[in-house]
Amino acid sequence: MARKLAVLMDAIAEIRIAKDTTFALLLEAQARGYEISYLTQGDLALRDGTPYARAARLQVRDDARDWFSLAEAAWQDLRDFDV
């Protein structure tokens, strides 16, 4: 079973992949088999003391023209993530 990584970052469509260290970490995490979910600060919520996020599965590529794919976002309990 893949380990689950939730990443809170700026809009991924606006990053410069050649200079973005978070993107470099995402490439490595994906290469190591992590299941990556993407969220921004506005996607966070607290329900009855439980942290949730509206997160989308993310796939990244080292391609300056097409560096990411996002699945449809859904609310997820952040305690379900490993990292």
N, C-alpha and C. Protein backbone atom coordinates (compact mmCIF):
# COMPACT_ATOMS: atom_id res chain seq x y z
N MET A 1 0.84 -1.18 0.00
CA MET A 1 0.00 0.00 0.00
C MET A 1 0.89 1.25 0.00
N ALA A 2 0.59 2.17 -0.88
CA ALA A 2 1.39 3.40 -1.00
C ALA A 2 1.18 4.30 0.21
N ARG A 3 2.25 4.95 0.61
CA ARG A 3 2.14 5.96 1.66
C ARG A 3 1.47 7.18 1.07
N LYS A 4 0.68 7.88 1.89
CA LYS A 4 -0.10 9.02 1.42
C LYS A 4 0.53 10.32 1.91
N LEU A 5 0.79 11.22 0.96
CA LEU A 5 1.40 12.52 1.23
C LEU A 5 0.42 13.62 0.85
N ALA A 6 0.11 14.50 1.79
CA ALA A 6 -0.70 15.69 1.51
C ALA A 6 0.26 16.87 1.44
N VAL A 7 0.17 17.65 0.36
CA VAL A 7 1.06 18.79 0.20
C VAL A 7 0.23 20.07 0.11
N LEU A 8 0.52 21.00 1.01
CA LEU A 8 -0.11 22.32 1.04
C LEU A 8 0.86 23.28 0.37
N MET A 9 0.44 23.88 -0.73
CA MET A 9 1.34 24.76 -1.47
C MET A 9 0.56 25.81 -2.24
N ASP A 10 1.29 26.75 -2.84
CA ASP A 10 0.69 27.75 -3.71
C ASP A 10 0.11 27.06 -4.94
N ALA A 11 -0.60 27.82 -5.74
CA ALA A 11 -1.22 27.28 -6.96
C ALA A 11 -0.17 26.59 -7.83
N ILE A 12 -0.33 25.30 -8.04
CA ILE A 12 0.68 24.54 -8.78
C ILE A 12 0.77 24.98 -10.23
N ALA A 13 -0.30 25.51 -10.78
CA ALA A 13 -0.27 25.97 -12.18
C ALA A 13 0.62 27.20 -12.36
N GLU A 14 0.96 27.87 -11.26
CA GLU A 14 1.73 29.11 -11.34
C GLU A 14 3.19 28.99 -10.91
N ILE A 15 3.62 27.80 -10.54
CA ILE A 15 5.01 27.67 -10.08
C ILE A 15 5.98 27.60 -11.25
N ARG A 16 7.23 27.89 -10.96
CA ARG A 16 8.32 27.70 -11.93
C ARG A 16 9.04 26.42 -11.53
N ILE A 17 8.83 25.38 -12.27
CA ILE A 17 9.33 24.07 -11.83
C ILE A 17 10.85 24.02 -11.74
N ALA A 18 11.55 24.82 -12.50
CA ALA A 18 13.02 24.81 -12.46
C ALA A 18 13.55 25.36 -11.15
N LYS A 19 12.76 26.17 -10.45
CA LYS A 19 13.23 26.81 -9.22
C LYS A 19 12.45 26.41 -7.97
N ASP A 20 11.38 25.68 -8.12
CA ASP A 20 10.50 25.38 -6.99
C ASP A 20 10.96 24.12 -6.25
N THR A 21 11.39 24.29 -5.01
CA THR A 21 11.89 23.14 -4.24
C THR A 21 10.78 22.19 -3.86
N THR A 22 9.57 22.69 -3.64
CA THR A 22 8.46 21.80 -3.34
C THR A 22 8.21 20.86 -4.51
N PHE A 23 8.30 21.38 -5.73
CA PHE A 23 8.11 20.55 -6.91
C PHE A 23 9.17 19.45 -6.98
N ALA A 24 10.41 19.79 -6.68
CA ALA A 24 11.48 18.79 -6.67
C ALA A 24 11.19 17.69 -5.65
N LEU A 25 10.68 18.07 -4.48
CA LEU A 25 10.32 17.09 -3.46
C LEU A 25 9.16 16.21 -3.93
N LEU A 26 8.21 16.80 -4.64
CA LEU A 26 7.08 16.02 -5.17
C LEU A 26 7.54 15.00 -6.19
N LEU A 27 8.45 15.39 -7.07
CA LEU A 27 8.99 14.44 -8.04
C LEU A 27 9.64 13.25 -7.34
N GLU A 28 10.42 13.53 -6.32
CA GLU A 28 11.10 12.46 -5.59
C GLU A 28 10.11 11.58 -4.83
N ALA A 29 9.12 12.20 -4.19
CA ALA A 29 8.11 11.42 -3.46
C ALA A 29 7.36 10.50 -4.42
N GLN A 30 6.99 11.02 -5.56
CA GLN A 30 6.29 10.20 -6.55
C GLN A 30 7.17 9.05 -7.03
N ALA A 31 8.45 9.33 -7.27
CA ALA A 31 9.39 8.29 -7.71
C ALA A 31 9.53 7.19 -6.65
N ARG A 32 9.33 7.56 -5.39
CA ARG A 32 9.42 6.58 -4.30
C ARG A 32 8.09 5.89 -4.01
N GLY A 33 7.08 6.18 -4.81
CA GLY A 33 5.81 5.47 -4.69
C GLY A 33 4.76 6.12 -3.82
N TYR A 34 4.97 7.35 -3.39
CA TYR A 34 3.96 8.03 -2.58
C TYR A 34 2.74 8.39 -3.43
N GLU A 35 1.58 8.32 -2.81
CA GLU A 35 0.34 8.82 -3.39
C GLU A 35 0.22 10.26 -2.92
N ILE A 36 0.24 11.21 -3.85
CA ILE A 36 0.30 12.63 -3.49
C ILE A 36 -1.07 13.28 -3.66
N SER A 37 -1.47 14.05 -2.66
CA SER A 37 -2.69 14.85 -2.73
C SER A 37 -2.32 16.31 -2.55
N TYR A 38 -2.93 17.16 -3.35
CA TYR A 38 -2.62 18.59 -3.41
C TYR A 38 -3.75 19.40 -2.78
N LEU A 39 -3.35 20.41 -2.00
CA LEU A 39 -4.33 21.34 -1.43
C LEU A 39 -3.69 22.70 -1.23
N THR A 40 -4.55 23.71 -1.15
CA THR A 40 -4.08 25.07 -0.86
C THR A 40 -4.65 25.49 0.49
N GLN A 41 -4.22 26.61 0.99
CA GLN A 41 -4.67 27.08 2.30
C GLN A 41 -6.19 27.20 2.38
N GLY A 42 -6.82 27.62 1.30
CA GLY A 42 -8.28 27.76 1.29
C GLY A 42 -9.03 26.44 1.32
N ASP A 43 -8.32 25.33 1.18
CA ASP A 43 -8.94 24.00 1.17
C ASP A 43 -9.00 23.37 2.56
N LEU A 44 -8.53 24.06 3.57
CA LEU A 44 -8.48 23.50 4.92
C LEU A 44 -9.76 23.81 5.70
N ALA A 45 -10.15 22.87 6.56
CA ALA A 45 -11.33 23.06 7.40
C ALA A 45 -11.17 22.24 8.68
N LEU A 46 -11.91 22.63 9.69
CA LEU A 46 -11.93 21.91 10.96
C LEU A 46 -13.39 21.58 11.26
N ARG A 47 -13.68 20.31 11.46
CA ARG A 47 -15.04 19.86 11.77
C ARG A 47 -15.02 19.07 13.06
N ASP A 48 -15.68 19.58 14.07
CA ASP A 48 -15.73 18.92 15.38
C ASP A 48 -14.34 18.53 15.87
N GLY A 49 -13.37 19.41 15.66
CA GLY A 49 -12.01 19.18 16.11
C GLY A 49 -11.17 18.30 15.20
N THR A 50 -11.72 17.87 14.08
CA THR A 50 -11.00 17.02 13.14
C THR A 50 -10.57 17.83 11.92
N PRO A 51 -9.29 17.75 11.55
CA PRO A 51 -8.82 18.52 10.39
C PRO A 51 -9.18 17.82 9.07
N TYR A 52 -9.75 18.59 8.16
CA TYR A 52 -10.11 18.10 6.83
C TYR A 52 -9.51 19.01 5.78
N ALA A 53 -9.40 18.48 4.58
CA ALA A 53 -8.96 19.29 3.45
C ALA A 53 -9.67 18.82 2.19
N ARG A 54 -9.96 19.77 1.35
CA ARG A 54 -10.48 19.45 0.01
C ARG A 54 -9.25 19.24 -0.86
N ALA A 55 -8.89 17.98 -1.04
CA ALA A 55 -7.62 17.63 -1.69
C ALA A 55 -7.87 16.86 -2.98
N ALA A 56 -6.92 17.01 -3.90
CA ALA A 56 -7.00 16.33 -5.20
C ALA A 56 -5.74 15.50 -5.41
N ARG A 57 -5.90 14.29 -5.92
CA ARG A 57 -4.73 13.47 -6.29
C ARG A 57 -3.92 14.21 -7.32
N LEU A 58 -2.62 14.19 -7.14
CA LEU A 58 -1.70 14.93 -7.99
C LEU A 58 -0.66 13.99 -8.59
N GLN A 59 -0.41 14.16 -9.88
CA GLN A 59 0.71 13.49 -10.54
C GLN A 59 1.58 14.59 -11.13
N VAL A 60 2.89 14.44 -10.98
CA VAL A 60 3.83 15.45 -11.48
C VAL A 60 4.76 14.84 -12.52
N ARG A 61 5.25 15.72 -13.40
CA ARG A 61 6.18 15.33 -14.45
C ARG A 61 7.23 16.42 -14.60
N ASP A 62 8.44 16.03 -14.90
CA ASP A 62 9.52 16.99 -15.12
C ASP A 62 9.47 17.47 -16.57
N ASP A 63 8.42 18.23 -16.87
CA ASP A 63 8.15 18.72 -18.23
C ASP A 63 7.65 20.15 -18.10
N ALA A 64 8.42 21.11 -18.57
CA ALA A 64 8.10 22.53 -18.39
C ALA A 64 6.79 22.94 -19.05
N ARG A 65 6.28 22.16 -19.97
CA ARG A 65 5.02 22.51 -20.64
C ARG A 65 3.81 21.79 -20.06
N ASP A 66 4.05 20.70 -19.35
CA ASP A 66 2.94 19.87 -18.85
C ASP A 66 3.41 19.16 -17.58
N TRP A 67 3.51 19.90 -16.48
CA TRP A 67 4.17 19.36 -15.29
C TRP A 67 3.26 18.74 -14.25
N PHE A 68 1.93 18.80 -14.44
CA PHE A 68 1.08 18.19 -13.43
C PHE A 68 -0.27 17.79 -14.00
N SER A 69 -0.91 16.85 -13.29
CA SER A 69 -2.30 16.45 -13.55
C SER A 69 -2.99 16.36 -12.21
N LEU A 70 -4.21 16.87 -12.15
CA LEU A 70 -5.00 16.81 -10.92
C LEU A 70 -6.29 16.03 -11.16
N ALA A 71 -6.62 15.17 -10.21
CA ALA A 71 -7.92 14.51 -10.23
C ALA A 71 -8.93 15.45 -9.57
N GLU A 72 -10.17 15.06 -9.56
CA GLU A 72 -11.20 15.88 -8.92
C GLU A 72 -10.97 15.92 -7.41
N ALA A 73 -11.10 17.09 -6.82
CA ALA A 73 -10.89 17.25 -5.38
C ALA A 73 -12.08 16.71 -4.59
N ALA A 74 -11.77 16.22 -3.39
CA ALA A 74 -12.81 15.71 -2.49
C ALA A 74 -12.37 15.98 -1.05
N TRP A 75 -13.33 16.09 -0.15
CA TRP A 75 -13.01 16.31 1.26
C TRP A 75 -12.41 15.03 1.85
N GLN A 76 -11.29 15.19 2.57
CA GLN A 76 -10.60 14.06 3.17
C GLN A 76 -10.16 14.41 4.58
N ASP A 77 -10.22 13.44 5.45
CA ASP A 77 -9.73 13.58 6.82
C ASP A 77 -8.20 13.61 6.76
N LEU A 78 -7.60 14.67 7.24
CA LEU A 78 -6.13 14.77 7.16
C LEU A 78 -5.41 13.74 8.02
N ARG A 79 -6.10 13.14 8.96
CA ARG A 79 -5.47 12.09 9.78
C ARG A 79 -5.21 10.83 8.97
N ASP A 80 -5.82 10.72 7.79
CA ASP A 80 -5.63 9.54 6.93
C ASP A 80 -4.33 9.59 6.14
N PHE A 81 -3.64 10.71 6.19
CA PHE A 81 -2.37 10.85 5.46
C PHE A 81 -1.20 10.44 6.35
N ASP A 82 -0.17 9.90 5.73
CA ASP A 82 1.05 9.52 6.45
C ASP A 82 1.96 10.72 6.67
N VAL A 83 2.00 11.60 5.68
CA VAL A 83 2.87 12.78 5.73
C VAL A 83 2.09 13.97 5.22
